[in-house]
Amino acid sequence: MDDYAQFIAKVKRKTGIDLSLYKEAQMKRRLTSLYVKKGLNSFAELFAEMEKNPVLWHECLDRMTINVSEFYRNAKRWDVLERIILPRLLAENPRPRVWSAACSAGEEPYTLAMVLAKYLPLHRVSVLATDIDENALARARLGVYGERSLAELPEEMKKKFFTKDGQYYKIDEKVKQAVTFQKHNLLADPFPGPFDLIVCRNVLIYFTEEAKRALYPKFRDALRPGGVLFVGSTEQIFNPGSYGFEVEETFFYRRT
C-alpha cells in the first residue's frame, strides 16, 4: 500500500472521512502542499505529526473538507431560486423544509434564510444546515464574517441583516435562530428528510463519479415528490431522469 493509501486508511479509521471518495489528484495536491509547508516529507510524517498536534489536525481537516463559500454565491442562480423555484414550493407547502447540505461556515444556509424571509416572517423560516467539519460549524454558529464573504450579497440584504463591527460583519440574531447546524457526513451518514428544497452546491465537484452516482438517489429519496435539489454551477447532473429527477431550471432538479 503506498504512502497516500495508508494515510487514507488511517484518516478513515480516526475520523470516518473517506478520502478515497474525493478526486485523488485534487486532494493529494491540497494535502501535499500542507505537509511541504510544515517541512514534512511524506503522508506518513504528516499523519504522525497530526496525532501529536491538534492544531494541525484542524488545519488538515480544513484542507480535506474544502471550506470555501460566500453569501449569495453565483447571484443569478439565487435570483432564479427566489423568482421561480420558491414561489412554486411555497404554494405547495407554506412552511417548507429546507436543507443546506455541506454548508461550510454558514454563508449558504444564512443566504437561504434571508431569501426565504422575503416570503415568510423569519420566525417561520427553518433551515437545517449540515457539514462534516466541526470547525466550520463552530464558525457558522458564531455568524461573524469578513468583507470578502459578503462581496456578492445585495446591498439591501447587507443593510437589513448585518451589523458592521470593526473589520467584520455580524449576522442578525433572528437569521441565526432560523438555522440549525448539525454535523453530518454526506458520504457515510443516513440522510434526513423529506425536504421541499435541498441545496448542495460546489461540493459534488470534489467527489468521484462513483460517489456522485451513489449520492444522487439519496438526495432524491430525501426530497418529497416535487421537491428540488439545487446544485452548483459546475455540477450539472447528466441524465437526471435515471436518478428520478427532471430539470426545472438550469442547476435545479425536481424530484419526479
C-alpha atoms as a PDB file:
ATOM      1  CA  MET A   1       0.000   0.000   0.000  1.00  0.00           C
ATOM      2  CA  ASP A   2       1.525   3.358  -0.970  1.00  0.00           C
ATOM      3  CA  ASP A   3       2.056   6.325   1.361  1.00  0.00           C
ATOM      4  CA  TYR A   4      -1.175   8.119   0.379  1.00  0.00           C
ATOM      5  CA  ALA A   5      -3.316   4.937   0.550  1.00  0.00           C
ATOM      6  CA  GLN A   6      -2.053   4.279   4.097  1.00  0.00           C
ATOM      7  CA  PHE A   7      -2.846   7.894   5.012  1.00  0.00           C
ATOM      8  CA  ILE A   8      -6.404   7.477   3.626  1.00  0.00           C
ATOM      9  CA  ALA A   9      -6.910   4.320   5.717  1.00  0.00           C
ATOM     10  CA  LYS A  10      -5.654   5.986   8.930  1.00  0.00           C
ATOM     11  CA  VAL A  11      -7.799   9.108   8.404  1.00  0.00           C
ATOM     12  CA  LYS A  12     -10.896   6.976   7.775  1.00  0.00           C
ATOM     13  CA  ARG A  13     -10.284   4.942  10.957  1.00  0.00           C
ATOM     14  CA  LYS A  14      -9.833   8.095  13.025  1.00  0.00           C
ATOM     15  CA  THR A  15     -12.499  10.424  11.574  1.00  0.00           C
ATOM     16  CA  GLY A  16     -14.873   8.405   9.376  1.00  0.00           C
ATOM     17  CA  ILE A  17     -13.919  10.668   6.423  1.00  0.00           C
ATOM     18  CA  ASP A  18     -13.225   8.503   3.367  1.00  0.00           C
ATOM     19  CA  LEU A  19     -10.768  10.423   1.198  1.00  0.00           C
ATOM     20  CA  SER A  20     -10.900   7.710  -1.477  1.00  0.00           C
ATOM     21  CA  LEU A  21     -14.309   9.132  -2.485  1.00  0.00           C
ATOM     22  CA  TYR A  22     -12.726  12.510  -3.312  1.00  0.00           C
ATOM     23  CA  LYS A  23     -10.912  13.138  -6.609  1.00  0.00           C
ATOM     24  CA  GLU A  24      -7.399  11.915  -5.854  1.00  0.00           C
ATOM     25  CA  ALA A  25      -5.290  14.420  -7.808  1.00  0.00           C
ATOM     26  CA  GLN A  26      -7.005  17.445  -6.223  1.00  0.00           C
ATOM     27  CA  MET A  27      -6.954  16.070  -2.680  1.00  0.00           C
ATOM     28  CA  LYS A  28      -3.337  14.922  -2.906  1.00  0.00           C
ATOM     29  CA  ARG A  29      -2.291  18.339  -4.187  1.00  0.00           C
ATOM     30  CA  ARG A  30      -4.044  20.140  -1.306  1.00  0.00           C
ATOM     31  CA  LEU A  31      -2.537  17.880   1.351  1.00  0.00           C
ATOM     32  CA  THR A  32       0.944  17.689  -0.203  1.00  0.00           C
ATOM     33  CA  SER A  33       1.186  21.497  -0.207  1.00  0.00           C
ATOM     34  CA  LEU A  34       0.249  21.414   3.502  1.00  0.00           C
ATOM     35  CA  TYR A  35       2.919  18.913   4.541  1.00  0.00           C
ATOM     36  CA  VAL A  36       5.592  20.655   2.437  1.00  0.00           C
ATOM     37  CA  LYS A  37       4.642  23.969   4.128  1.00  0.00           C
ATOM     38  CA  LYS A  38       5.154  22.237   7.503  1.00  0.00           C
ATOM     39  CA  GLY A  39       8.604  20.967   6.497  1.00  0.00           C
ATOM     40  CA  LEU A  40       7.477  17.319   6.305  1.00  0.00           C
ATOM     41  CA  ASN A  41       8.382  14.773   3.635  1.00  0.00           C
ATOM     42  CA  SER A  42       5.506  12.283   3.359  1.00  0.00           C
ATOM     43  CA  PHE A  43       1.901  11.483   4.234  1.00  0.00           C
ATOM     44  CA  ALA A  44       3.211   9.118   6.956  1.00  0.00           C
ATOM     45  CA  GLU A  45       5.063  12.030   8.577  1.00  0.00           C
ATOM     46  CA  LEU A  46       2.006  14.263   8.194  1.00  0.00           C
ATOM     47  CA  PHE A  47      -0.262  11.764   9.983  1.00  0.00           C
ATOM     48  CA  ALA A  48       2.278  11.213  12.793  1.00  0.00           C
ATOM     49  CA  GLU A  49       2.510  14.989  13.292  1.00  0.00           C
ATOM     50  CA  MET A  50      -1.304  15.341  13.217  1.00  0.00           C
ATOM     51  CA  GLU A  51      -1.578  12.753  16.007  1.00  0.00           C
ATOM     52  CA  LYS A  52       0.620  14.965  18.222  1.00  0.00           C
ATOM     53  CA  ASN A  53      -0.746  18.351  17.202  1.00  0.00           C
ATOM     54  CA  PRO A  54      -4.492  19.161  17.418  1.00  0.00           C
ATOM     55  CA  VAL A  55      -3.982  22.494  15.607  1.00  0.00           C
ATOM     56  CA  LEU A  56      -2.509  20.623  12.629  1.00  0.00           C
ATOM     57  CA  TRP A  57      -5.440  18.140  12.779  1.00  0.00           C
ATOM     58  CA  HIS A  58      -7.869  21.010  12.347  1.00  0.00           C
ATOM     59  CA  GLU A  59      -5.803  22.626   9.614  1.00  0.00           C
ATOM     60  CA  CYS A  60      -5.685  19.310   7.780  1.00  0.00           C
ATOM     61  CA  LEU A  61      -9.435  18.746   8.232  1.00  0.00           C
ATOM     62  CA  ASP A  62      -9.970  22.204   6.761  1.00  0.00           C
ATOM     63  CA  ARG A  63      -7.974  21.175   3.672  1.00  0.00           C
ATOM     64  CA  MET A  64      -9.817  17.861   3.388  1.00  0.00           C
ATOM     65  CA  THR A  65     -13.290  19.331   3.717  1.00  0.00           C
ATOM     66  CA  ILE A  66     -12.728  22.264   1.341  1.00  0.00           C
ATOM     67  CA  ASN A  67     -14.326  25.183   3.183  1.00  0.00           C
ATOM     68  CA  VAL A  68     -14.781  27.840   0.529  1.00  0.00           C
ATOM     69  CA  SER A  69     -18.025  29.762   0.480  1.00  0.00           C
ATOM     70  CA  GLU A  70     -19.618  33.191   0.352  1.00  0.00           C
ATOM     71  CA  PHE A  71     -23.054  34.754   0.641  1.00  0.00           C
ATOM     72  CA  TYR A  72     -25.217  34.740  -2.485  1.00  0.00           C
ATOM     73  CA  ARG A  73     -22.542  32.884  -4.471  1.00  0.00           C
ATOM     74  CA  ASN A  74     -23.422  32.972  -8.218  1.00  0.00           C
ATOM     75  CA  ALA A  75     -26.111  35.627  -7.714  1.00  0.00           C
ATOM     76  CA  LYS A  76     -28.058  34.761 -10.908  1.00  0.00           C
ATOM     77  CA  ARG A  77     -28.837  31.280  -9.536  1.00  0.00           C
ATOM     78  CA  TRP A  78     -30.181  32.733  -6.266  1.00  0.00           C
ATOM     79  CA  ASP A  79     -32.324  35.039  -8.358  1.00  0.00           C
ATOM     80  CA  VAL A  80     -33.855  32.000 -10.126  1.00  0.00           C
ATOM     81  CA  LEU A  81     -34.452  30.353  -6.742  1.00  0.00           C
ATOM     82  CA  GLU A  82     -36.188  33.464  -5.458  1.00  0.00           C
ATOM     83  CA  ARG A  83     -38.336  34.286  -8.518  1.00  0.00           C
ATOM     84  CA  ILE A  84     -39.201  30.839  -9.915  1.00  0.00           C
ATOM     85  CA  ILE A  85     -38.472  27.921  -7.597  1.00  0.00           C
ATOM     86  CA  LEU A  86     -39.543  29.240  -4.189  1.00  0.00           C
ATOM     87  CA  PRO A  87     -42.974  30.586  -5.257  1.00  0.00           C
ATOM     88  CA  ARG A  88     -43.926  27.105  -6.530  1.00  0.00           C
ATOM     89  CA  LEU A  89     -42.558  25.326  -3.439  1.00  0.00           C
ATOM     90  CA  LEU A  90     -44.317  27.784  -1.107  1.00  0.00           C
ATOM     91  CA  ALA A  91     -47.617  27.361  -2.968  1.00  0.00           C
ATOM     92  CA  GLU A  92     -47.352  23.619  -2.283  1.00  0.00           C
ATOM     93  CA  ASN A  93     -46.122  23.955   1.300  1.00  0.00           C
ATOM     94  CA  PRO A  94     -46.292  27.327   3.114  1.00  0.00           C
ATOM     95  CA  ARG A  95     -43.783  26.055   5.733  1.00  0.00           C
ATOM     96  CA  PRO A  96     -41.106  24.491   3.549  1.00  0.00           C
ATOM     97  CA  ARG A  97     -38.475  22.134   4.945  1.00  0.00           C
ATOM     98  CA  VAL A  98     -35.052  23.190   3.695  1.00  0.00           C
ATOM     99  CA  TRP A  99     -31.638  21.513   3.991  1.00  0.00           C
ATOM    100  CA  SER A 100     -28.290  23.150   3.223  1.00  0.00           C
ATOM    101  CA  ALA A 101     -26.015  20.110   2.819  1.00  0.00           C
ATOM    102  CA  ALA A 102     -22.245  20.620   3.241  1.00  0.00           C
ATOM    103  CA  CYS A 103     -22.882  24.165   4.476  1.00  0.00           C
ATOM    104  CA  SER A 104     -19.258  25.054   5.308  1.00  0.00           C
ATOM    105  CA  ALA A 105     -19.081  28.159   7.554  1.00  0.00           C
ATOM    106  CA  GLY A 106     -22.774  29.036   7.183  1.00  0.00           C
ATOM    107  CA  GLU A 107     -22.880  31.537   4.310  1.00  0.00           C
ATOM    108  CA  GLU A 108     -25.220  29.350   2.240  1.00  0.00           C
ATOM    109  CA  PRO A 109     -27.867  28.475   4.883  1.00  0.00           C
ATOM    110  CA  TYR A 110     -27.932  32.078   6.106  1.00  0.00           C
ATOM    111  CA  THR A 111     -28.427  33.217   2.487  1.00  0.00           C
ATOM    112  CA  LEU A 112     -31.335  30.747   2.244  1.00  0.00           C
ATOM    113  CA  ALA A 113     -32.902  32.133   5.429  1.00  0.00           C
ATOM    114  CA  MET A 114     -32.580  35.717   4.143  1.00  0.00           C
ATOM    115  CA  VAL A 115     -34.121  34.833   0.761  1.00  0.00           C
ATOM    116  CA  LEU A 116     -36.985  32.947   2.440  1.00  0.00           C
ATOM    117  CA  ALA A 117     -37.553  35.992   4.665  1.00  0.00           C
ATOM    118  CA  LYS A 118     -38.798  37.829   1.550  1.00  0.00           C
ATOM    119  CA  TYR A 119     -41.793  35.475   1.620  1.00  0.00           C
ATOM    120  CA  LEU A 120     -42.175  34.467   5.273  1.00  0.00           C
ATOM    121  CA  PRO A 121     -41.643  36.077   8.681  1.00  0.00           C
ATOM    122  CA  LEU A 122     -38.246  34.894   9.977  1.00  0.00           C
ATOM    123  CA  HIS A 123     -39.766  33.048  12.953  1.00  0.00           C
ATOM    124  CA  ARG A 124     -41.451  30.737  10.405  1.00  0.00           C
ATOM    125  CA  VAL A 125     -38.238  30.076   8.462  1.00  0.00           C
ATOM    126  CA  SER A 126     -36.417  26.853   9.299  1.00  0.00           C
ATOM    127  CA  VAL A 127     -33.220  25.704   7.604  1.00  0.00           C
ATOM    128  CA  LEU A 128     -31.237  22.602   8.564  1.00  0.00           C
ATOM    129  CA  ALA A 129     -27.536  23.132   7.813  1.00  0.00           C
ATOM    130  CA  THR A 130     -25.024  20.298   7.982  1.00  0.00           C
ATOM    131  CA  ASP A 131     -21.305  19.825   7.442  1.00  0.00           C
ATOM    132  CA  ILE A 132     -18.655  17.229   8.212  1.00  0.00           C
ATOM    133  CA  ASP A 133     -16.283  19.790   9.737  1.00  0.00           C
ATOM    134  CA  GLU A 134     -16.839  20.790  13.403  1.00  0.00           C
ATOM    135  CA  ASN A 135     -14.552  23.828  12.918  1.00  0.00           C
ATOM    136  CA  ALA A 136     -16.665  25.167  10.065  1.00  0.00           C
ATOM    137  CA  LEU A 137     -19.861  24.577  12.080  1.00  0.00           C
ATOM    138  CA  ALA A 138     -18.421  26.477  15.055  1.00  0.00           C
ATOM    139  CA  ARG A 139     -17.634  29.430  12.767  1.00  0.00           C
ATOM    140  CA  ALA A 140     -21.131  29.194  11.262  1.00  0.00           C
ATOM    141  CA  ARG A 141     -22.818  29.324  14.682  1.00  0.00           C
ATOM    142  CA  LEU A 142     -20.772  32.420  15.506  1.00  0.00           C
ATOM    143  CA  GLY A 143     -22.201  34.248  12.463  1.00  0.00           C
ATOM    144  CA  VAL A 144     -19.308  36.694  12.028  1.00  0.00           C
ATOM    145  CA  TYR A 145     -17.846  37.241   8.534  1.00  0.00           C
ATOM    146  CA  GLY A 146     -15.211  39.265   6.714  1.00  0.00           C
ATOM    147  CA  GLU A 147     -15.923  41.690   3.878  1.00  0.00           C
ATOM    148  CA  ARG A 148     -14.897  39.130   1.226  1.00  0.00           C
ATOM    149  CA  SER A 149     -17.703  36.707   2.200  1.00  0.00           C
ATOM    150  CA  LEU A 150     -20.276  39.443   1.569  1.00  0.00           C
ATOM    151  CA  ALA A 151     -18.921  40.596  -1.823  1.00  0.00           C
ATOM    152  CA  GLU A 152     -21.899  39.234  -3.842  1.00  0.00           C
ATOM    153  CA  LEU A 153     -24.604  39.977  -1.293  1.00  0.00           C
ATOM    154  CA  PRO A 154     -27.168  42.588  -2.450  1.00  0.00           C
ATOM    155  CA  GLU A 155     -26.678  45.881  -0.586  1.00  0.00           C
ATOM    156  CA  GLU A 156     -30.227  45.929   0.837  1.00  0.00           C
ATOM    157  CA  MET A 157     -29.684  42.479   2.423  1.00  0.00           C
ATOM    158  CA  LYS A 158     -26.376  43.607   3.915  1.00  0.00           C
ATOM    159  CA  LYS A 159     -28.064  46.680   5.461  1.00  0.00           C
ATOM    160  CA  LYS A 160     -31.048  44.705   6.726  1.00  0.00           C
ATOM    161  CA  PHE A 161     -29.356  41.640   8.208  1.00  0.00           C
ATOM    162  CA  PHE A 162     -25.786  42.633   9.181  1.00  0.00           C
ATOM    163  CA  THR A 163     -24.120  44.928  11.706  1.00  0.00           C
ATOM    164  CA  LYS A 164     -20.578  46.118  10.981  1.00  0.00           C
ATOM    165  CA  ASP A 165     -18.183  45.520  13.847  1.00  0.00           C
ATOM    166  CA  GLY A 166     -14.677  46.780  13.018  1.00  0.00           C
ATOM    167  CA  GLN A 167     -13.346  44.663  10.140  1.00  0.00           C
ATOM    168  CA  TYR A 168     -16.220  42.183  10.429  1.00  0.00           C
ATOM    169  CA  TYR A 169     -19.962  41.833   9.882  1.00  0.00           C
ATOM    170  CA  LYS A 170     -22.258  40.151  12.411  1.00  0.00           C
ATOM    171  CA  ILE A 171     -25.415  38.485  11.164  1.00  0.00           C
ATOM    172  CA  ASP A 172     -28.772  39.330  12.762  1.00  0.00           C
ATOM    173  CA  GLU A 173     -29.815  37.070  15.677  1.00  0.00           C
ATOM    174  CA  LYS A 174     -33.210  36.365  14.058  1.00  0.00           C
ATOM    175  CA  VAL A 175     -31.455  34.966  10.971  1.00  0.00           C
ATOM    176  CA  LYS A 176     -29.200  32.853  13.214  1.00  0.00           C
ATOM    177  CA  GLN A 177     -32.250  31.456  15.016  1.00  0.00           C
ATOM    178  CA  ALA A 178     -33.756  30.351  11.685  1.00  0.00           C
ATOM    179  CA  VAL A 179     -30.829  27.974  11.025  1.00  0.00           C
ATOM    180  CA  THR A 180     -29.987  24.751  12.907  1.00  0.00           C
ATOM    181  CA  PHE A 181     -26.422  23.460  12.466  1.00  0.00           C
ATOM    182  CA  GLN A 182     -25.541  19.765  12.808  1.00  0.00           C
ATOM    183  CA  LYS A 183     -22.587  17.554  11.976  1.00  0.00           C
ATOM    184  CA  HIS A 184     -23.261  15.197   9.041  1.00  0.00           C
ATOM    185  CA  ASN A 185     -21.075  13.203   6.642  1.00  0.00           C
ATOM    186  CA  LEU A 186     -22.735  13.126   3.198  1.00  0.00           C
ATOM    187  CA  LEU A 187     -20.715  10.100   2.159  1.00  0.00           C
ATOM    188  CA  ALA A 188     -21.423   7.963   5.231  1.00  0.00           C
ATOM    189  CA  ASP A 189     -24.436   9.107   7.287  1.00  0.00           C
ATOM    190  CA  PRO A 190     -28.154   8.424   6.645  1.00  0.00           C
ATOM    191  CA  PHE A 191     -29.931  11.393   5.040  1.00  0.00           C
ATOM    192  CA  PRO A 192     -32.628  13.346   6.917  1.00  0.00           C
ATOM    193  CA  GLY A 193     -35.881  14.304   5.164  1.00  0.00           C
ATOM    194  CA  PRO A 194     -38.278  14.623   3.490  1.00  0.00           C
ATOM    195  CA  PHE A 195     -37.442  18.158   2.303  1.00  0.00           C
ATOM    196  CA  ASP A 196     -39.023  20.633  -0.090  1.00  0.00           C
ATOM    197  CA  LEU A 197     -35.611  22.014  -1.032  1.00  0.00           C
ATOM    198  CA  ILE A 198     -32.076  20.673  -0.702  1.00  0.00           C
ATOM    199  CA  VAL A 199     -29.167  22.961  -1.543  1.00  0.00           C
ATOM    200  CA  CYS A 200     -25.834  21.203  -2.116  1.00  0.00           C
ATOM    201  CA  ARG A 201     -23.540  23.455  -4.132  1.00  0.00           C
ATOM    202  CA  ASN A 202     -19.836  23.380  -5.004  1.00  0.00           C
ATOM    203  CA  VAL A 203     -19.240  20.137  -3.110  1.00  0.00           C
ATOM    204  CA  LEU A 204     -20.075  17.344  -5.573  1.00  0.00           C
ATOM    205  CA  ILE A 205     -17.352  18.662  -7.897  1.00  0.00           C
ATOM    206  CA  TYR A 206     -14.743  17.277  -5.460  1.00  0.00           C
ATOM    207  CA  PHE A 207     -16.222  13.745  -5.402  1.00  0.00           C
ATOM    208  CA  THR A 208     -15.506  10.833  -7.732  1.00  0.00           C
ATOM    209  CA  GLU A 209     -18.136   9.855 -10.325  1.00  0.00           C
ATOM    210  CA  GLU A 210     -18.831   6.703  -8.302  1.00  0.00           C
ATOM    211  CA  ALA A 211     -19.515   8.755  -5.138  1.00  0.00           C
ATOM    212  CA  LYS A 212     -21.833  11.093  -7.079  1.00  0.00           C
ATOM    213  CA  ARG A 213     -23.785   8.157  -8.560  1.00  0.00           C
ATOM    214  CA  ALA A 214     -24.359   6.902  -5.007  1.00  0.00           C
ATOM    215  CA  LEU A 215     -25.393  10.338  -3.711  1.00  0.00           C
ATOM    216  CA  TYR A 216     -27.996  11.365  -6.321  1.00  0.00           C
ATOM    217  CA  PRO A 217     -30.538   8.651  -5.343  1.00  0.00           C
ATOM    218  CA  LYS A 218     -30.021   9.541  -1.657  1.00  0.00           C
ATOM    219  CA  PHE A 219     -30.808  13.183  -2.410  1.00  0.00           C
ATOM    220  CA  ARG A 220     -33.886  12.127  -4.408  1.00  0.00           C
ATOM    221  CA  ASP A 221     -35.144   9.980  -1.529  1.00  0.00           C
ATOM    222  CA  ALA A 222     -34.597  12.873   0.908  1.00  0.00           C
ATOM    223  CA  LEU A 223     -36.954  15.084  -1.155  1.00  0.00           C
ATOM    224  CA  ARG A 224     -40.732  14.934  -1.236  1.00  0.00           C
ATOM    225  CA  PRO A 225     -42.196  14.398  -4.747  1.00  0.00           C
ATOM    226  CA  GLY A 226     -41.927  17.804  -6.453  1.00  0.00           C
ATOM    227  CA  GLY A 227     -39.098  18.832  -4.107  1.00  0.00           C
ATOM    228  CA  VAL A 228     -35.975  20.416  -5.609  1.00  0.00           C
ATOM    229  CA  LEU A 229     -32.230  19.760  -5.473  1.00  0.00           C
ATOM    230  CA  PHE A 230     -30.203  22.940  -6.180  1.00  0.00           C
ATOM    231  CA  VAL A 231     -26.571  22.239  -7.210  1.00  0.00           C
ATOM    232  CA  GLY A 232     -23.526  24.375  -8.050  1.00  0.00           C
ATOM    233  CA  SER A 233     -22.724  25.945 -11.400  1.00  0.00           C
ATOM    234  CA  THR A 234     -20.203  23.243 -12.358  1.00  0.00           C
ATOM    235  CA  GLU A 235     -22.293  20.329 -11.108  1.00  0.00           C
ATOM    236  CA  GLN A 236     -24.895  19.657 -13.767  1.00  0.00           C
ATOM    237  CA  ILE A 237     -26.420  16.171 -13.441  1.00  0.00           C
ATOM    238  CA  PHE A 238     -26.116  14.339 -16.744  1.00  0.00           C
ATOM    239  CA  ASN A 239     -29.065  12.051 -17.387  1.00  0.00           C
ATOM    240  CA  PRO A 240     -31.095  13.244 -14.347  1.00  0.00           C
ATOM    241  CA  GLY A 241     -34.032  11.017 -15.357  1.00  0.00           C
ATOM    242  CA  SER A 242     -32.049   7.915 -14.424  1.00  0.00           C
ATOM    243  CA  TYR A 243     -31.958   9.193 -10.820  1.00  0.00           C
ATOM    244  CA  GLY A 244     -35.646  10.181 -10.658  1.00  0.00           C
ATOM    245  CA  PHE A 245     -35.120  13.895 -11.381  1.00  0.00           C
ATOM    246  CA  GLU A 246     -36.204  16.295 -14.108  1.00  0.00           C
ATOM    247  CA  VAL A 247     -34.715  19.703 -14.885  1.00  0.00           C
ATOM    248  CA  GLU A 248     -36.906  22.533 -13.584  1.00  0.00           C
ATOM    249  CA  GLU A 249     -34.337  25.263 -14.358  1.00  0.00           C
ATOM    250  CA  THR A 250     -30.591  25.010 -15.039  1.00  0.00           C
ATOM    251  CA  PHE A 251     -28.972  23.589 -11.852  1.00  0.00           C
ATOM    252  CA  PHE A 252     -32.395  22.941 -10.256  1.00  0.00           C
ATOM    253  CA  TYR A 253     -33.635  19.331 -10.328  1.00  0.00           C
ATOM    254  CA  ARG A 254     -37.183  18.414  -9.360  1.00  0.00           C
ATOM    255  CA  ARG A 255     -37.958  15.002  -7.904  1.00  0.00           C
ATOM    256  CA  THR A 256     -40.429  13.293 -10.244  1.00  0.00           C
END
